Amino acid sequence: MEELLLSSPKPINIYDLFSDYYVGDSVIFNDEQIMSEELKKYNLVLERKDRKLAILGEEIDIRKAIRQTNEIFNTIDLDDLKRNQELNFNRHDVLFILGQLRNIEKDLDITIPYPYNVNIFSHLYILLSRSRNVPALLFSDKVSDEEMENMSRDTILYPVAKVIVNNIEKYLHSSLPDIEIYFLYQYLVSSRMQGSLATTSTFHQRLSK
């Protein structure tokens, strides 16, 4: 299911998806039913067509499903990530994202405490993984003019979110839609920051922590 989520909405051949497990059609059918029920929790649909499977839905729901169905995002220790090379993470991505977290804290002169630092790390790691699997043009989510205007009024958090997304674009060697700034901005707003920064915001939070 994680592989399908990362590739959504692109379909994956059923043979390629299950070939490592040496299972028959009845087991595959049962697995499809289980995945379909699990995905309903996130307003996502599992589609089967021409011996291929695909997960369909909004980008925000896809990322929430990736985060909540992968236990590793709920148990990681950022300090341990620097040392432990056995975890199932892309080490280059880990070091890059940890660097971006340091940039955020330095630019805002704050410390982002647990679990909010893990939330931002997980968000950025999933962003990198999704962007490599799916071109940005396929993202259907859009930021309204009103949302962009409200966000741009924040002269503290918005510029930082914009810089970090720009750094990610350079890292990926590809452009990202404006909604990525909005997503990251939401995480910064929802973080319980500790330090000299005292920021209040009435911005509507679409992302659940």
Protein backbone atom coordinates (compact mmCIF):
# COMPACT_ATOMS: atom_id res chain seq x y z
CA MET A 1 0.00 0.00 0.00
CA GLU A 2 2.89 2.34 0.75
CA GLU A 3 4.28 1.76 -2.75
CA LEU A 4 0.90 2.55 -4.28
CA LEU A 5 0.54 5.67 -2.11
CA LEU A 6 3.96 6.98 -3.12
CA SER A 7 3.13 6.42 -6.80
CA SER A 8 -0.47 7.68 -6.68
CA PRO A 9 -2.25 8.31 -8.99
CA LYS A 10 0.03 6.32 -11.30
CA PRO A 11 -1.05 2.65 -11.50
CA ILE A 12 1.28 -0.27 -10.77
CA ASN A 13 1.02 -3.66 -12.44
CA ILE A 14 -0.32 -6.23 -9.98
CA TYR A 15 2.38 -8.72 -10.95
CA ASP A 16 5.14 -6.20 -10.20
CA LEU A 17 3.49 -5.23 -6.92
CA PHE A 18 3.15 -8.78 -5.56
CA SER A 19 5.96 -10.66 -7.33
CA ASP A 20 8.24 -10.66 -4.27
CA TYR A 21 5.63 -12.44 -2.14
CA TYR A 22 4.83 -15.49 -4.32
CA VAL A 23 1.08 -15.39 -3.60
CA GLY A 24 -1.91 -16.46 -5.66
CA ASP A 25 -4.89 -14.52 -6.98
CA SER A 26 -7.06 -15.27 -3.94
CA VAL A 27 -4.50 -13.78 -1.55
CA ILE A 28 -4.06 -10.77 -3.81
CA PHE A 29 -7.83 -10.27 -3.90
CA ASN A 30 -8.03 -10.42 -0.09
CA ASP A 31 -5.18 -7.92 0.21
CA GLU A 32 -6.97 -5.58 -2.15
CA GLN A 33 -10.08 -5.70 0.05
CA ILE A 34 -8.04 -4.93 3.16
CA MET A 35 -6.24 -2.04 1.48
CA SER A 36 -9.49 -0.67 0.13
CA GLU A 37 -11.07 -0.61 3.60
CA GLU A 38 -7.99 0.98 5.15
CA LEU A 39 -7.85 3.68 2.48
CA LYS A 40 -11.47 4.67 3.11
CA LYS A 41 -10.30 6.17 6.41
CA TYR A 42 -8.37 8.74 4.37
CA ASN A 43 -11.05 9.37 1.71
CA LEU A 44 -8.92 7.45 -0.82
CA VAL A 45 -10.02 4.88 -3.38
CA LEU A 46 -8.18 1.77 -4.58
CA GLU A 47 -8.87 1.31 -8.29
CA ARG A 48 -8.21 -1.91 -10.22
CA LYS A 49 -8.09 -1.69 -14.00
CA ASP A 50 -6.37 -3.84 -16.63
CA ARG A 51 -4.48 -5.87 -14.00
CA LYS A 52 -3.16 -2.67 -12.46
CA LEU A 53 -3.81 -0.99 -9.11
CA ALA A 54 -3.87 2.71 -8.33
CA ILE A 55 -4.81 4.85 -5.34
CA LEU A 56 -6.89 7.90 -6.18
CA GLY A 57 -7.62 10.94 -4.03
CA GLU A 58 -6.44 14.37 -2.88
CA GLU A 59 -2.74 14.95 -2.29
CA ILE A 60 -3.29 16.07 1.29
CA ASP A 61 -5.09 12.77 2.04
CA ILE A 62 -2.41 10.70 0.31
CA ARG A 63 0.33 12.25 2.43
CA LYS A 64 -1.68 11.80 5.61
CA ALA A 65 -2.13 8.10 4.76
CA ILE A 66 1.61 7.66 4.10
CA ARG A 67 2.43 9.29 7.41
CA GLN A 68 -0.10 7.48 9.57
CA THR A 69 0.20 4.00 8.06
CA ASN A 70 4.01 3.92 8.26
CA GLU A 71 4.94 3.31 11.89
CA ILE A 72 8.50 4.49 11.37
CA PHE A 73 7.31 8.10 11.09
CA ASN A 74 5.66 7.77 14.51
CA THR A 75 8.70 6.33 16.29
CA ILE A 76 11.74 8.06 14.79
CA ASP A 77 14.21 9.99 16.90
CA LEU A 78 15.88 12.76 14.90
CA ASP A 79 19.10 12.46 16.87
CA ASP A 80 19.16 8.72 16.20
CA LEU A 81 18.67 9.34 12.46
CA LYS A 82 22.07 11.01 12.26
CA ARG A 83 23.82 7.90 13.57
CA ASN A 84 21.65 4.93 12.61
CA GLN A 85 22.20 3.93 8.99
CA GLU A 86 20.09 0.78 9.25
CA LEU A 87 16.73 2.59 9.27
CA ASN A 88 14.75 2.43 6.06
CA PHE A 89 15.48 6.01 5.01
CA ASN A 90 17.41 7.62 2.19
CA ARG A 91 20.43 8.90 4.12
CA HIS A 92 21.12 11.78 1.70
CA ASP A 93 17.51 12.95 2.12
CA VAL A 94 17.77 12.61 5.91
CA LEU A 95 20.87 14.79 6.13
CA PHE A 96 19.39 17.35 3.75
CA ILE A 97 16.13 17.62 5.72
CA LEU A 98 17.92 17.83 9.06
CA GLY A 99 19.90 20.71 7.55
CA GLN A 100 16.67 22.44 6.55
CA LEU A 101 15.32 22.04 10.08
CA ARG A 102 18.46 23.69 11.41
CA ASN A 103 17.98 26.51 8.90
CA ILE A 104 14.41 27.04 10.11
CA GLU A 105 15.48 27.19 13.74
CA LYS A 106 18.40 29.50 12.95
CA ASP A 107 16.38 31.90 10.79
CA LEU A 108 13.58 32.13 13.35
CA ASP A 109 15.90 31.99 16.37
CA ILE A 110 13.83 29.24 17.92
CA THR A 111 13.87 25.56 18.82
CA ILE A 112 11.13 23.34 17.43
CA PRO A 113 10.38 20.76 20.14
CA TYR A 114 9.29 17.14 19.80
CA PRO A 115 6.95 16.02 18.24
CA TYR A 116 6.63 19.10 16.00
CA ASN A 117 10.17 18.73 14.66
CA VAL A 118 9.36 15.11 13.73
CA ASN A 119 6.13 16.27 12.05
CA ILE A 120 8.07 18.70 9.85
CA PHE A 121 10.78 16.11 9.13
CA SER A 122 8.17 13.52 8.10
CA HIS A 123 6.34 16.06 5.94
CA LEU A 124 9.52 17.03 4.07
CA TYR A 125 10.67 13.41 3.68
CA ILE A 126 7.31 12.42 2.19
CA LEU A 127 7.43 15.50 -0.05
CA LEU A 128 10.78 14.38 -1.49
CA SER A 129 9.53 10.82 -1.99
CA ARG A 130 6.28 11.92 -3.63
CA SER A 131 7.97 14.47 -5.89
CA ARG A 132 10.30 11.82 -7.29
CA ASN A 133 7.40 9.49 -8.05
CA VAL A 134 4.80 11.96 -9.33
CA PRO A 135 5.32 15.11 -11.43
CA ALA A 136 4.08 18.26 -9.68
CA LEU A 137 1.68 18.92 -12.55
CA LEU A 138 -0.42 15.95 -11.43
CA PHE A 139 -1.16 17.53 -8.06
CA SER A 140 -4.79 18.61 -8.10
CA ASP A 141 -4.69 20.56 -4.84
CA LYS A 142 -4.63 24.33 -5.32
CA VAL A 143 -4.07 27.28 -3.00
CA SER A 144 -6.80 29.90 -3.28
CA ASP A 145 -5.95 33.57 -3.78
CA GLU A 146 -7.38 34.32 -0.34
CA GLU A 147 -5.20 31.66 1.31
CA MET A 148 -2.10 32.95 -0.46
CA GLU A 149 -2.91 36.52 0.56
CA ASN A 150 -3.42 35.57 4.20
CA MET A 151 -0.20 33.58 4.20
CA SER A 152 1.84 36.36 2.54
CA ARG A 153 0.82 38.78 5.31
CA ASP A 154 2.90 36.74 7.74
CA THR A 155 6.27 38.45 7.36
CA ILE A 156 8.02 36.00 9.70
CA LEU A 157 6.98 32.43 8.87
CA TYR A 158 6.01 32.81 5.20
CA PRO A 159 9.47 33.93 3.97
CA VAL A 160 11.09 31.03 5.83
CA ALA A 161 8.68 28.49 4.32
CA LYS A 162 9.33 29.98 0.88
CA VAL A 163 13.12 29.71 1.26
CA ILE A 164 12.96 26.10 2.45
CA VAL A 165 10.75 25.06 -0.49
CA ASN A 166 13.16 26.85 -2.83
CA ASN A 167 16.04 24.87 -1.29
CA ILE A 168 14.07 21.66 -1.87
CA GLU A 169 13.51 22.59 -5.52
CA LYS A 170 17.27 23.00 -5.95
CA TYR A 171 17.87 19.68 -4.21
CA LEU A 172 15.35 17.90 -6.47
CA HIS A 173 16.37 19.85 -9.59
CA SER A 174 12.69 20.43 -10.31
CA SER A 175 10.04 23.03 -9.56
CA LEU A 176 7.26 22.56 -7.01
CA PRO A 177 3.74 24.06 -6.93
CA ASP A 178 2.95 26.95 -4.58
CA ILE A 179 0.89 24.63 -2.42
CA GLU A 180 4.13 23.18 -1.03
CA ILE A 181 4.88 26.56 0.56
CA TYR A 182 1.37 26.53 1.99
CA PHE A 183 1.78 22.99 3.40
CA LEU A 184 5.08 23.82 5.11
CA TYR A 185 3.74 27.15 6.36
CA GLN A 186 0.88 25.29 8.05
CA TYR A 187 3.34 23.06 9.87
CA LEU A 188 5.36 26.06 11.04
CA VAL A 189 2.20 27.77 12.31
CA SER A 190 1.12 24.66 14.21
CA SER A 191 4.54 24.07 15.81
CA ARG A 192 4.97 24.98 19.47
CA MET A 193 8.13 27.00 18.98
CA GLN A 194 10.46 27.68 21.89
CA GLY A 195 12.70 30.75 21.79
CA SER A 196 12.61 34.47 21.12
CA LEU A 197 9.96 34.21 18.40
CA ALA A 198 6.43 34.93 19.53
CA THR A 199 4.08 34.51 16.59
CA THR A 200 0.31 34.30 16.64
CA SER A 201 -1.81 33.30 13.71
CA THR A 202 -5.51 32.80 13.03
CA PHE A 203 -4.70 31.05 9.76
CA HIS A 204 -7.05 28.15 9.12
CA GLN A 205 -5.15 24.88 9.64
CA ARG A 206 -6.05 22.26 7.05
CA LEU A 207 -3.32 19.88 8.09
CA SER A 208 -3.90 17.73 11.16
CA LYS A 209 -0.97 17.23 13.45
